[in-house]
Amino acid sequence: MKTSFLMPSALLLLLLATGGCSEKKEKKIETPEAIENIFARKSVRKYTAQAVEKDKVLLLLEAGMSAPSGKDTRPWELLVVNERALLDSLASALPYTKMLEEAPMAIIVCGDTTKSSYWFLDCSAVAQNILLAAEALDLGAVWTASFPYGERMDAVRRFITLPDHIQPLCVIPVGYPAVVTTPKKKWDPAKVHTNRW
């Protein structure tokens, strides 16, 4: 008979932090800036009219392309949209992108289906890198999904000419935040388990 054992998450973390069950005093861990940036990331949906500088746009794109990809296929294609009419059209066509009416730009993360059947996984890593880079550059950004919703993908294609093998994963509005947004605390120790179920 197979037994199931789940160590309470708080105890597991305490053991990891203290090196076991000894009476060691817990030390405060210095958190690197990269980790602090992850904790600070939030979804920003209100922007000022200030344009995003070209060097920052290039950094966002380069950060995105630093993502891992299966078999190093790099199936991503990134579209930068900064034309006001096009941003407004996408805002009206997509159900959860009304913030594009204020955003000075957006990055559409797409995947090449001829390079990978799991392009959406690799491209999701690209999108997350872009979101983290935006946070580090004092920009605001938010992930709005196109894939896997056929009607949303079609709406993107209505305004952006894409070859059939290039699929839009998400539209990321980007700009300078118009309001202060506080990151959500998402840590949930109940979701941490040992490798024994």
N, C-alpha and C. Protein backbone atom coordinates (compact mmCIF):
# COMPACT_ATOMS: atom_id res chain seq x y z
N MET A 1 0.84 -1.19 0.00
CA MET A 1 0.00 0.00 0.00
C MET A 1 0.88 1.25 0.00
N LYS A 2 0.56 2.18 -0.91
CA LYS A 2 1.33 3.41 -1.03
C LYS A 2 0.80 4.44 -0.04
N THR A 3 1.71 5.02 0.73
CA THR A 3 1.29 6.04 1.67
C THR A 3 1.49 7.42 1.08
N SER A 4 0.67 8.33 1.46
CA SER A 4 0.77 9.71 1.01
C SER A 4 1.25 10.56 2.17
N PHE A 5 2.23 11.41 1.88
CA PHE A 5 2.78 12.24 2.95
C PHE A 5 3.01 13.63 2.41
N LEU A 6 2.38 14.60 3.02
CA LEU A 6 2.61 16.00 2.69
C LEU A 6 3.16 16.69 3.92
N MET A 7 4.35 17.23 3.80
CA MET A 7 4.92 17.99 4.91
C MET A 7 4.28 19.37 4.92
N PRO A 8 3.80 19.86 6.03
CA PRO A 8 3.25 21.22 6.06
C PRO A 8 4.25 22.20 5.48
N SER A 9 3.77 23.06 4.59
CA SER A 9 4.65 23.94 3.84
C SER A 9 5.50 24.84 4.72
N ALA A 10 4.91 25.39 5.76
CA ALA A 10 5.66 26.29 6.63
C ALA A 10 6.81 25.55 7.29
N LEU A 11 6.58 24.29 7.70
CA LEU A 11 7.63 23.49 8.31
C LEU A 11 8.72 23.18 7.30
N LEU A 12 8.32 22.81 6.09
CA LEU A 12 9.28 22.53 5.04
C LEU A 12 10.18 23.73 4.79
N LEU A 13 9.58 24.91 4.69
CA LEU A 13 10.36 26.11 4.44
C LEU A 13 11.27 26.44 5.61
N LEU A 14 10.79 26.21 6.82
CA LEU A 14 11.61 26.46 7.99
C LEU A 14 12.82 25.53 8.00
N LEU A 15 12.59 24.28 7.65
CA LEU A 15 13.69 23.33 7.60
C LEU A 15 14.71 23.72 6.54
N LEU A 16 14.24 24.15 5.40
CA LEU A 16 15.14 24.57 4.34
C LEU A 16 15.93 25.80 4.76
N ALA A 17 15.27 26.74 5.40
CA ALA A 17 15.93 27.99 5.78
C ALA A 17 16.96 27.79 6.88
N THR A 18 16.67 26.85 7.81
CA THR A 18 17.56 26.67 8.95
C THR A 18 18.54 25.53 8.77
N GLY A 19 18.40 24.78 7.69
CA GLY A 19 19.32 23.68 7.45
C GLY A 19 18.95 22.43 8.23
N GLY A 20 17.73 22.32 8.72
CA GLY A 20 17.30 21.13 9.44
C GLY A 20 16.60 21.49 10.73
N CYS A 21 16.63 20.58 11.66
CA CYS A 21 15.89 20.76 12.91
C CYS A 21 16.76 21.31 14.03
N SER A 22 17.94 21.78 13.73
CA SER A 22 18.81 22.30 14.78
C SER A 22 18.25 23.61 15.32
N GLU A 23 18.86 24.08 16.40
CA GLU A 23 18.40 25.29 17.07
C GLU A 23 19.03 26.56 16.49
N LYS A 24 19.45 26.53 15.24
CA LYS A 24 20.07 27.70 14.64
C LYS A 24 19.09 28.86 14.58
N LYS A 25 19.61 30.05 14.74
CA LYS A 25 18.78 31.25 14.64
C LYS A 25 18.63 31.59 13.15
N GLU A 26 17.42 31.89 12.72
CA GLU A 26 17.17 32.18 11.31
C GLU A 26 17.82 33.50 10.94
N LYS A 27 18.57 33.49 9.84
CA LYS A 27 19.23 34.70 9.36
C LYS A 27 18.37 35.36 8.30
N LYS A 28 18.46 36.68 8.23
CA LYS A 28 17.74 37.40 7.19
C LYS A 28 18.51 37.25 5.88
N ILE A 29 17.81 36.86 4.84
CA ILE A 29 18.43 36.66 3.53
C ILE A 29 18.40 37.97 2.76
N GLU A 30 19.56 38.36 2.27
CA GLU A 30 19.61 39.55 1.40
C GLU A 30 19.01 39.17 0.05
N THR A 31 18.01 39.93 -0.40
CA THR A 31 17.32 39.60 -1.64
C THR A 31 17.92 40.36 -2.81
N PRO A 32 18.43 39.66 -3.81
CA PRO A 32 18.97 40.34 -4.99
C PRO A 32 17.91 41.17 -5.70
N GLU A 33 18.36 42.18 -6.43
CA GLU A 33 17.44 43.08 -7.13
C GLU A 33 16.52 42.33 -8.09
N ALA A 34 17.04 41.31 -8.74
CA ALA A 34 16.21 40.56 -9.70
C ALA A 34 15.01 39.92 -9.01
N ILE A 35 15.23 39.39 -7.80
CA ILE A 35 14.13 38.78 -7.05
C ILE A 35 13.15 39.85 -6.59
N GLU A 36 13.66 40.97 -6.11
CA GLU A 36 12.79 42.08 -5.70
C GLU A 36 11.93 42.55 -6.88
N ASN A 37 12.51 42.57 -8.08
CA ASN A 37 11.78 42.98 -9.28
C ASN A 37 10.63 42.03 -9.57
N ILE A 38 10.86 40.74 -9.36
CA ILE A 38 9.80 39.75 -9.57
C ILE A 38 8.65 40.02 -8.59
N PHE A 39 8.99 40.27 -7.33
CA PHE A 39 7.96 40.53 -6.33
C PHE A 39 7.22 41.85 -6.60
N ALA A 40 7.89 42.81 -7.23
CA ALA A 40 7.30 44.13 -7.48
C ALA A 40 6.43 44.16 -8.74
N ARG A 41 6.55 43.16 -9.61
CA ARG A 41 5.80 43.18 -10.87
C ARG A 41 4.30 43.20 -10.62
N LYS A 42 3.61 44.03 -11.38
CA LYS A 42 2.16 44.09 -11.28
C LYS A 42 1.57 44.41 -12.64
N SER A 43 0.29 44.16 -12.79
CA SER A 43 -0.41 44.48 -14.03
C SER A 43 -0.86 45.93 -13.98
N VAL A 44 -0.39 46.71 -14.94
CA VAL A 44 -0.71 48.14 -15.01
C VAL A 44 -1.63 48.37 -16.20
N ARG A 45 -2.75 49.03 -15.94
CA ARG A 45 -3.77 49.22 -16.99
C ARG A 45 -4.08 50.69 -17.27
N LYS A 46 -3.39 51.61 -16.61
CA LYS A 46 -3.60 53.04 -16.86
C LYS A 46 -2.25 53.68 -17.12
N TYR A 47 -2.16 54.45 -18.21
CA TYR A 47 -0.88 54.99 -18.66
C TYR A 47 -0.96 56.48 -18.92
N THR A 48 0.18 57.14 -18.80
CA THR A 48 0.28 58.53 -19.23
C THR A 48 0.45 58.55 -20.75
N ALA A 49 0.45 59.73 -21.32
CA ALA A 49 0.62 59.85 -22.77
C ALA A 49 2.10 59.82 -23.19
N GLN A 50 3.00 59.80 -22.22
CA GLN A 50 4.44 59.83 -22.53
C GLN A 50 4.85 58.62 -23.35
N ALA A 51 5.55 58.88 -24.44
CA ALA A 51 6.04 57.80 -25.30
C ALA A 51 7.15 57.03 -24.59
N VAL A 52 7.26 55.76 -24.91
CA VAL A 52 8.34 54.94 -24.37
C VAL A 52 9.56 55.12 -25.27
N GLU A 53 10.68 55.45 -24.65
CA GLU A 53 11.90 55.73 -25.40
C GLU A 53 12.36 54.48 -26.18
N LYS A 54 12.96 54.73 -27.35
CA LYS A 54 13.39 53.64 -28.23
C LYS A 54 14.35 52.69 -27.53
N ASP A 55 15.28 53.23 -26.73
CA ASP A 55 16.24 52.34 -26.07
C ASP A 55 15.54 51.42 -25.07
N LYS A 56 14.47 51.90 -24.43
CA LYS A 56 13.73 51.05 -23.51
C LYS A 56 12.93 49.98 -24.27
N VAL A 57 12.38 50.37 -25.42
CA VAL A 57 11.65 49.39 -26.24
C VAL A 57 12.60 48.27 -26.66
N LEU A 58 13.81 48.63 -27.08
CA LEU A 58 14.79 47.63 -27.50
C LEU A 58 15.18 46.72 -26.34
N LEU A 59 15.30 47.30 -25.14
CA LEU A 59 15.61 46.49 -23.96
C LEU A 59 14.48 45.50 -23.66
N LEU A 60 13.24 45.93 -23.80
CA LEU A 60 12.11 45.03 -23.60
C LEU A 60 12.16 43.85 -24.57
N LEU A 61 12.45 44.17 -25.82
CA LEU A 61 12.50 43.13 -26.85
C LEU A 61 13.67 42.17 -26.61
N GLU A 62 14.82 42.72 -26.25
CA GLU A 62 15.99 41.88 -26.00
C GLU A 62 15.76 41.01 -24.76
N ALA A 63 15.14 41.57 -23.74
CA ALA A 63 14.81 40.78 -22.55
C ALA A 63 13.87 39.65 -22.92
N GLY A 64 12.87 39.95 -23.73
CA GLY A 64 11.94 38.91 -24.17
C GLY A 64 12.65 37.78 -24.87
N MET A 65 13.56 38.13 -25.77
CA MET A 65 14.26 37.11 -26.55
C MET A 65 15.35 36.39 -25.77
N SER A 66 15.55 36.76 -24.51
CA SER A 66 16.49 36.04 -23.65
C SER A 66 15.81 34.85 -22.98
N ALA A 67 14.57 34.60 -23.31
CA ALA A 67 13.81 33.50 -22.71
C ALA A 67 14.35 32.15 -23.17
N PRO A 68 14.11 31.11 -22.37
CA PRO A 68 14.47 29.77 -22.81
C PRO A 68 13.51 29.28 -23.87
N SER A 69 13.94 28.33 -24.68
CA SER A 69 13.03 27.70 -25.64
C SER A 69 13.44 26.25 -25.85
N GLY A 70 12.45 25.40 -26.01
CA GLY A 70 12.71 23.98 -26.22
C GLY A 70 13.55 23.74 -27.46
N LYS A 71 14.62 22.98 -27.31
CA LYS A 71 15.56 22.67 -28.39
C LYS A 71 16.15 23.93 -29.01
N ASP A 72 16.09 25.05 -28.27
CA ASP A 72 16.61 26.34 -28.73
C ASP A 72 16.05 26.74 -30.10
N THR A 73 14.77 26.46 -30.32
CA THR A 73 14.14 26.79 -31.62
C THR A 73 13.79 28.27 -31.74
N ARG A 74 13.59 28.95 -30.60
CA ARG A 74 13.25 30.38 -30.59
C ARG A 74 12.11 30.71 -31.58
N PRO A 75 10.94 30.17 -31.34
CA PRO A 75 9.85 30.33 -32.32
C PRO A 75 9.14 31.68 -32.24
N TRP A 76 9.66 32.61 -31.47
CA TRP A 76 8.95 33.87 -31.26
C TRP A 76 9.15 34.86 -32.39
N GLU A 77 8.14 35.69 -32.57
CA GLU A 77 8.15 36.86 -33.46
C GLU A 77 7.46 37.96 -32.66
N LEU A 78 8.10 39.13 -32.59
CA LEU A 78 7.57 40.23 -31.77
C LEU A 78 7.20 41.42 -32.65
N LEU A 79 6.00 41.92 -32.45
CA LEU A 79 5.52 43.08 -33.21
C LEU A 79 5.37 44.27 -32.26
N VAL A 80 5.96 45.39 -32.62
CA VAL A 80 5.82 46.61 -31.85
C VAL A 80 4.77 47.48 -32.54
N VAL A 81 3.74 47.84 -31.80
CA VAL A 81 2.66 48.67 -32.35
C VAL A 81 2.64 49.99 -31.60
N ASN A 82 2.84 51.09 -32.32
CA ASN A 82 2.78 52.41 -31.68
C ASN A 82 1.95 53.41 -32.48
N GLU A 83 1.22 52.92 -33.47
CA GLU A 83 0.32 53.80 -34.24
C GLU A 83 -0.99 53.93 -33.48
N ARG A 84 -1.38 55.17 -33.20
CA ARG A 84 -2.57 55.42 -32.39
C ARG A 84 -3.82 54.75 -32.98
N ALA A 85 -4.04 54.86 -34.27
CA ALA A 85 -5.24 54.29 -34.89
C ALA A 85 -5.28 52.78 -34.72
N LEU A 86 -4.13 52.14 -34.86
CA LEU A 86 -4.06 50.69 -34.74
C LEU A 86 -4.29 50.24 -33.30
N LEU A 87 -3.70 50.96 -32.35
CA LEU A 87 -3.92 50.65 -30.93
C LEU A 87 -5.41 50.79 -30.57
N ASP A 88 -6.04 51.84 -31.08
CA ASP A 88 -7.46 52.06 -30.80
C ASP A 88 -8.33 50.97 -31.44
N SER A 89 -7.95 50.54 -32.63
CA SER A 89 -8.71 49.47 -33.30
C SER A 89 -8.61 48.16 -32.53
N LEU A 90 -7.40 47.84 -32.06
CA LEU A 90 -7.23 46.62 -31.27
C LEU A 90 -8.02 46.73 -29.96
N ALA A 91 -8.02 47.92 -29.36
CA ALA A 91 -8.76 48.12 -28.10
C ALA A 91 -10.25 47.87 -28.29
N SER A 92 -10.78 48.26 -29.42
CA SER A 92 -12.21 48.07 -29.65
C SER A 92 -12.56 46.65 -30.07
N ALA A 93 -11.59 45.94 -30.65
CA ALA A 93 -11.86 44.59 -31.16
C ALA A 93 -11.64 43.49 -30.13
N LEU A 94 -10.76 43.74 -29.17
CA LEU A 94 -10.42 42.72 -28.19
C LEU A 94 -11.14 43.01 -26.86
N PRO A 95 -11.68 41.98 -26.21
CA PRO A 95 -12.53 42.23 -25.04
C PRO A 95 -11.83 42.76 -23.80
N TYR A 96 -10.54 42.48 -23.62
CA TYR A 96 -9.89 42.87 -22.37
C TYR A 96 -8.69 43.79 -22.59
N THR A 97 -8.75 44.58 -23.65
CA THR A 97 -7.61 45.45 -23.97
C THR A 97 -8.02 46.92 -24.10
N LYS A 98 -9.02 47.33 -23.36
CA LYS A 98 -9.47 48.73 -23.45
C LYS A 98 -8.36 49.70 -23.06
N MET A 99 -7.40 49.25 -22.26
CA MET A 99 -6.29 50.11 -21.84
C MET A 99 -5.40 50.51 -23.01
N LEU A 100 -5.53 49.84 -24.15
CA LEU A 100 -4.77 50.23 -25.35
C LEU A 100 -5.15 51.63 -25.82
N GLU A 101 -6.34 52.10 -25.43
CA GLU A 101 -6.76 53.45 -25.79
C GLU A 101 -5.87 54.51 -25.14
N GLU A 102 -5.22 54.16 -24.03
CA GLU A 102 -4.32 55.08 -23.33
C GLU A 102 -2.85 54.75 -23.57
N ALA A 103 -2.56 53.48 -23.78
CA ALA A 103 -1.17 53.05 -23.91
C ALA A 103 -0.51 53.65 -25.15
N PRO A 104 0.74 54.12 -25.02
CA PRO A 104 1.44 54.66 -26.18
C PRO A 104 1.96 53.58 -27.12
N MET A 105 2.00 52.34 -26.65
CA MET A 105 2.50 51.26 -27.49
C MET A 105 2.04 49.91 -26.96
N ALA A 106 2.26 48.89 -27.75
CA ALA A 106 2.02 47.52 -27.33
C ALA A 106 3.02 46.62 -28.03
N ILE A 107 3.30 45.50 -27.40
CA ILE A 107 4.11 44.45 -28.03
C ILE A 107 3.21 43.24 -28.18
N ILE A 108 3.11 42.75 -29.40
CA ILE A 108 2.33 41.54 -29.66
C ILE A 108 3.33 40.39 -29.77
N VAL A 109 3.20 39.43 -28.86
CA VAL A 109 4.08 38.26 -28.87
C VAL A 109 3.41 37.18 -29.70
N CYS A 110 4.12 36.74 -30.75
CA CYS A 110 3.59 35.73 -31.66
C CYS A 110 4.53 34.54 -31.71
N GLY A 111 4.02 33.41 -32.19
CA GLY A 111 4.82 32.21 -32.31
C GLY A 111 4.74 31.62 -33.70
N ASP A 112 5.85 31.04 -34.13
CA ASP A 112 5.95 30.39 -35.43
C ASP A 112 5.68 28.91 -35.27
N THR A 113 4.53 28.46 -35.77
CA THR A 113 4.13 27.07 -35.59
C THR A 113 4.97 26.10 -36.41
N THR A 114 5.71 26.60 -37.41
CA THR A 114 6.57 25.71 -38.19
C THR A 114 7.86 25.39 -37.46
N LYS A 115 8.19 26.19 -36.44
CA LYS A 115 9.42 25.96 -35.68
C LYS A 115 9.19 25.09 -34.45
N SER A 116 7.96 25.12 -33.92
CA SER A 116 7.70 24.38 -32.69
C SER A 116 6.21 24.15 -32.52
N SER A 117 5.87 22.93 -32.10
CA SER A 117 4.46 22.64 -31.82
C SER A 117 4.07 23.17 -30.44
N TYR A 118 5.07 23.50 -29.61
CA TYR A 118 4.80 24.08 -28.30
C TYR A 118 5.29 25.52 -28.23
N TRP A 119 5.12 26.24 -29.33
CA TRP A 119 5.52 27.64 -29.45
C TRP A 119 4.91 28.50 -28.34
N PHE A 120 3.68 28.18 -27.94
CA PHE A 120 2.99 29.00 -26.94
C PHE A 120 3.66 28.92 -25.58
N LEU A 121 4.36 27.83 -25.29
CA LEU A 121 5.09 27.73 -24.03
C LEU A 121 6.32 28.63 -24.07
N ASP A 122 7.09 28.52 -25.14
CA ASP A 122 8.29 29.35 -25.28
C ASP A 122 7.92 30.83 -25.31
N CYS A 123 6.86 31.15 -26.02
CA CYS A 123 6.46 32.55 -26.16
C CYS A 123 5.88 33.11 -24.86
N SER A 124 5.34 32.24 -24.02
CA SER A 124 4.89 32.68 -22.70
C SER A 124 6.07 33.12 -21.85
N ALA A 125 7.20 32.42 -21.99
CA ALA A 125 8.41 32.84 -21.27
C ALA A 125 8.89 34.19 -21.79
N VAL A 126 8.77 34.42 -23.08
CA VAL A 126 9.12 35.72 -23.68
C VAL A 126 8.25 36.82 -23.08
N ALA A 127 6.94 36.57 -23.02
CA ALA A 127 6.01 37.57 -22.48
C ALA A 127 6.33 37.89 -21.02
N GLN A 128 6.63 36.86 -20.22
CA GLN A 128 6.96 37.11 -18.82
C GLN A 128 8.24 37.94 -18.71
N ASN A 129 9.24 37.65 -19.53
CA ASN A 129 10.47 38.45 -19.51
C ASN A 129 10.19 39.91 -19.84
N ILE A 130 9.31 40.14 -20.81
CA ILE A 130 8.96 41.52 -21.18
C ILE A 130 8.28 42.22 -20.01
N LEU A 131 7.38 41.53 -19.33
CA LEU A 131 6.68 42.11 -18.18
C LEU A 131 7.66 42.45 -17.06
N LEU A 132 8.60 41.57 -16.80
CA LEU A 132 9.60 41.82 -15.75
C LEU A 132 10.53 42.96 -16.14
N ALA A 133 10.92 43.00 -17.41
CA ALA A 133 11.79 44.09 -17.87
C ALA A 133 11.06 45.43 -17.78
N ALA A 134 9.78 45.45 -18.10
CA ALA A 134 9.00 46.68 -17.99
C ALA A 134 9.00 47.18 -16.55
N GLU A 135 8.83 46.28 -15.60
CA GLU A 135 8.86 46.65 -14.19
C GLU A 135 10.21 47.25 -13.82
N ALA A 136 11.29 46.63 -14.29
CA ALA A 136 12.63 47.09 -13.97
C ALA A 136 12.93 48.46 -14.57
N LEU A 137 12.25 48.79 -15.66
CA LEU A 137 12.47 50.07 -16.36
C LEU A 137 11.47 51.14 -15.93
N ASP A 138 10.73 50.89 -14.85
CA ASP A 138 9.71 51.82 -14.35
C ASP A 138 8.58 52.05 -15.34
N LEU A 139 8.31 51.05 -16.15
CA LEU A 139 7.20 51.08 -17.08
C LEU A 139 6.07 50.23 -16.52
N GLY A 140 4.89 50.42 -17.07
CA GLY A 140 3.76 49.58 -16.72
C GLY A 140 3.40 48.71 -17.91
N ALA A 141 2.94 47.51 -17.65
CA ALA A 141 2.55 46.58 -18.72
C ALA A 141 1.55 45.59 -18.17
N VAL A 142 0.82 44.95 -19.06
CA VAL A 142 -0.14 43.92 -18.65
C VAL A 142 -0.29 42.91 -19.78
N TRP A 143 -0.38 41.65 -19.41
CA TRP A 143 -0.58 40.56 -20.37
C TRP A 143 -2.07 40.49 -20.70
N THR A 144 -2.42 40.57 -21.98
CA THR A 144 -3.80 40.32 -22.42
C THR A 144 -3.74 39.19 -23.44
N ALA A 145 -4.46 38.13 -23.17
CA ALA A 145 -4.36 36.91 -23.97
C ALA A 145 -5.09 37.01 -25.31
N SER A 146 -4.44 36.49 -26.34
CA SER A 146 -5.10 36.23 -27.62
C SER A 146 -5.32 34.72 -27.73
N PHE A 147 -4.24 33.97 -27.67
CA PHE A 147 -4.26 32.51 -27.68
C PHE A 147 -4.75 32.01 -26.32
N PRO A 148 -5.58 31.00 -26.26
CA PRO A 148 -6.06 30.10 -27.31
C PRO A 148 -7.43 30.46 -27.86
N TYR A 149 -7.85 31.69 -27.69
CA TYR A 149 -9.20 32.11 -28.07
C TYR A 149 -9.24 32.49 -29.55
N GLY A 150 -9.89 31.66 -30.35
CA GLY A 150 -9.93 31.87 -31.79
C GLY A 150 -10.44 33.24 -32.19
N GLU A 151 -11.49 33.72 -31.52
CA GLU A 151 -12.07 35.01 -31.90
C GLU A 151 -11.10 36.16 -31.60
N ARG A 152 -10.31 36.03 -30.54
CA ARG A 152 -9.34 37.08 -30.21
C ARG A 152 -8.15 37.03 -31.19
N MET A 153 -7.73 35.83 -31.53
CA MET A 153 -6.63 35.70 -32.49
C MET A 153 -7.06 36.27 -33.85
N ASP A 154 -8.31 35.99 -34.22
CA ASP A 154 -8.84 36.54 -35.48
C ASP A 154 -8.92 38.05 -35.43
N ALA A 155 -9.27 38.61 -34.26
CA ALA A 155 -9.36 40.07 -34.12
C ALA A 155 -7.98 40.71 -34.32
N VAL A 156 -6.93 40.09 -33.77
CA VAL A 156 -5.58 40.61 -34.00
C VAL A 156 -5.26 40.56 -35.48
N ARG A 157 -5.58 39.44 -36.11
CA ARG A 157 -5.28 39.27 -37.54
C ARG A 157 -6.06 40.25 -38.42
N ARG A 158 -7.20 40.71 -37.93
CA ARG A 158 -8.00 41.67 -38.69
C ARG A 158 -7.24 42.98 -38.91
N PHE A 159 -6.37 43.32 -37.97
CA PHE A 159 -5.65 44.60 -38.05
C PHE A 159 -4.15 44.44 -38.29
N ILE A 160 -3.62 43.25 -38.03
CA ILE A 160 -2.20 43.00 -38.26
C ILE A 160 -2.09 41.87 -39.26
N THR A 161 -1.40 42.11 -40.36
CA THR A 161 -1.23 41.07 -41.37
C THR A 161 -0.17 40.09 -40.91
N LEU A 162 -0.60 38.85 -40.66
CA LEU A 162 0.30 37.80 -40.22
C LEU A 162 0.19 36.61 -41.16
N PRO A 163 1.32 35.97 -41.50
CA PRO A 163 1.24 34.72 -42.25
C PRO A 163 0.49 33.67 -41.43
N ASP A 164 -0.07 32.67 -42.09
CA ASP A 164 -0.88 31.67 -41.39
C ASP A 164 -0.12 30.94 -40.29
N HIS A 165 1.19 30.76 -40.47
CA HIS A 165 1.96 29.98 -39.49
C HIS A 165 2.43 30.82 -38.29
N ILE A 166 2.13 32.12 -38.30
CA ILE A 166 2.48 32.99 -37.17
C ILE A 166 1.21 33.26 -36.36
N GLN A 167 1.22 32.79 -35.11
CA GLN A 167 0.04 32.87 -34.26
C GLN A 167 0.24 33.89 -33.13
N PRO A 168 -0.73 34.79 -32.92
CA PRO A 168 -0.61 35.77 -31.83
C PRO A 168 -0.93 35.14 -30.47
N LEU A 169 0.04 35.18 -29.56
CA LEU A 169 -0.16 34.65 -28.21
C LEU A 169 -0.83 35.68 -27.30
N CYS A 170 -0.27 36.90 -27.28
CA CYS A 170 -0.80 37.92 -26.39
C CYS A 170 -0.43 39.32 -26.89
N VAL A 171 -1.20 40.28 -26.42
CA VAL A 171 -0.94 41.68 -26.67
C VAL A 171 -0.56 42.30 -25.33
N ILE A 172 0.62 42.94 -25.29
CA ILE A 172 1.08 43.54 -24.04
C ILE A 172 1.11 45.06 -24.18
N PRO A 173 0.09 45.77 -23.66
CA PRO A 173 0.15 47.23 -23.63
C PRO A 173 1.32 47.66 -22.73
N VAL A 174 2.03 48.70 -23.14
CA VAL A 174 3.19 49.18 -22.38
C VAL A 174 3.15 50.71 -22.34
N GLY A 175 3.50 51.27 -21.19
CA GLY A 175 3.59 52.73 -21.07
C GLY A 175 4.03 53.11 -19.67
N TYR A 176 4.10 54.41 -19.44
CA TYR A 176 4.42 54.90 -18.10
C TYR A 176 3.15 54.89 -17.26
N PRO A 177 3.19 54.32 -16.06
CA PRO A 177 1.98 54.22 -15.24
C PRO A 177 1.40 55.59 -14.89
N ALA A 178 0.08 55.70 -15.00
CA ALA A 178 -0.61 56.93 -14.65
C ALA A 178 -1.05 56.92 -13.19
N VAL A 179 -1.10 55.75 -12.60
CA VAL A 179 -1.49 55.62 -11.19
C VAL A 179 -0.54 54.65 -10.51
N VAL A 180 -0.48 54.72 -9.20
CA VAL A 180 0.35 53.79 -8.44
C VAL A 180 -0.44 52.49 -8.25
N THR A 181 0.17 51.40 -8.66
CA THR A 181 -0.45 50.08 -8.52
C THR A 181 0.40 49.25 -7.58
N THR A 182 -0.24 48.61 -6.63
CA THR A 182 0.48 47.79 -5.66
C THR A 182 0.48 46.34 -6.12
N PRO A 183 1.64 45.68 -6.08
CA PRO A 183 1.66 44.27 -6.48
C PRO A 183 0.84 43.41 -5.53
N LYS A 184 0.22 42.39 -6.07
CA LYS A 184 -0.56 41.46 -5.25
C LYS A 184 0.38 40.47 -4.57
N LYS A 185 0.06 40.13 -3.34
CA LYS A 185 0.82 39.12 -2.62
C LYS A 185 0.25 37.77 -3.03
N LYS A 186 0.99 36.99 -3.79
CA LYS A 186 0.46 35.73 -4.32
C LYS A 186 1.07 34.50 -3.68
N TRP A 187 2.00 34.70 -2.75
CA TRP A 187 2.64 33.57 -2.09
C TRP A 187 1.61 32.78 -1.30
N ASP A 188 1.56 31.47 -1.55
CA ASP A 188 0.62 30.60 -0.87
C ASP A 188 1.35 29.33 -0.46
N PRO A 189 1.81 29.25 0.81
CA PRO A 189 2.56 28.07 1.24
C PRO A 189 1.77 26.78 1.13
N ALA A 190 0.44 26.86 1.08
CA ALA A 190 -0.36 25.64 0.95
C ALA A 190 -0.17 24.97 -0.40
N LYS A 191 0.40 25.70 -1.35
CA LYS A 191 0.63 25.15 -2.68
C LYS A 191 2.03 24.57 -2.85
N VAL A 192 2.80 24.56 -1.77
CA VAL A 192 4.15 23.99 -1.80
C VAL A 192 4.10 22.60 -1.19
N HIS A 193 4.65 21.61 -1.89
CA HIS A 193 4.61 20.22 -1.44
C HIS A 193 5.99 19.59 -1.56
N THR A 194 6.20 18.53 -0.81
CA THR A 194 7.42 17.75 -1.01
C THR A 194 7.22 16.91 -2.25
N ASN A 195 8.22 16.14 -2.63
CA ASN A 195 8.09 15.33 -3.83
C ASN A 195 7.33 14.03 -3.58
N ARG A 196 6.77 13.88 -2.38
CA ARG A 196 5.99 12.68 -2.08
C ARG A 196 4.52 13.04 -1.96
N TRP A 197 3.71 12.49 -2.81
CA TRP A 197 2.27 12.75 -2.79
C TRP A 197 1.60 11.60 -2.11
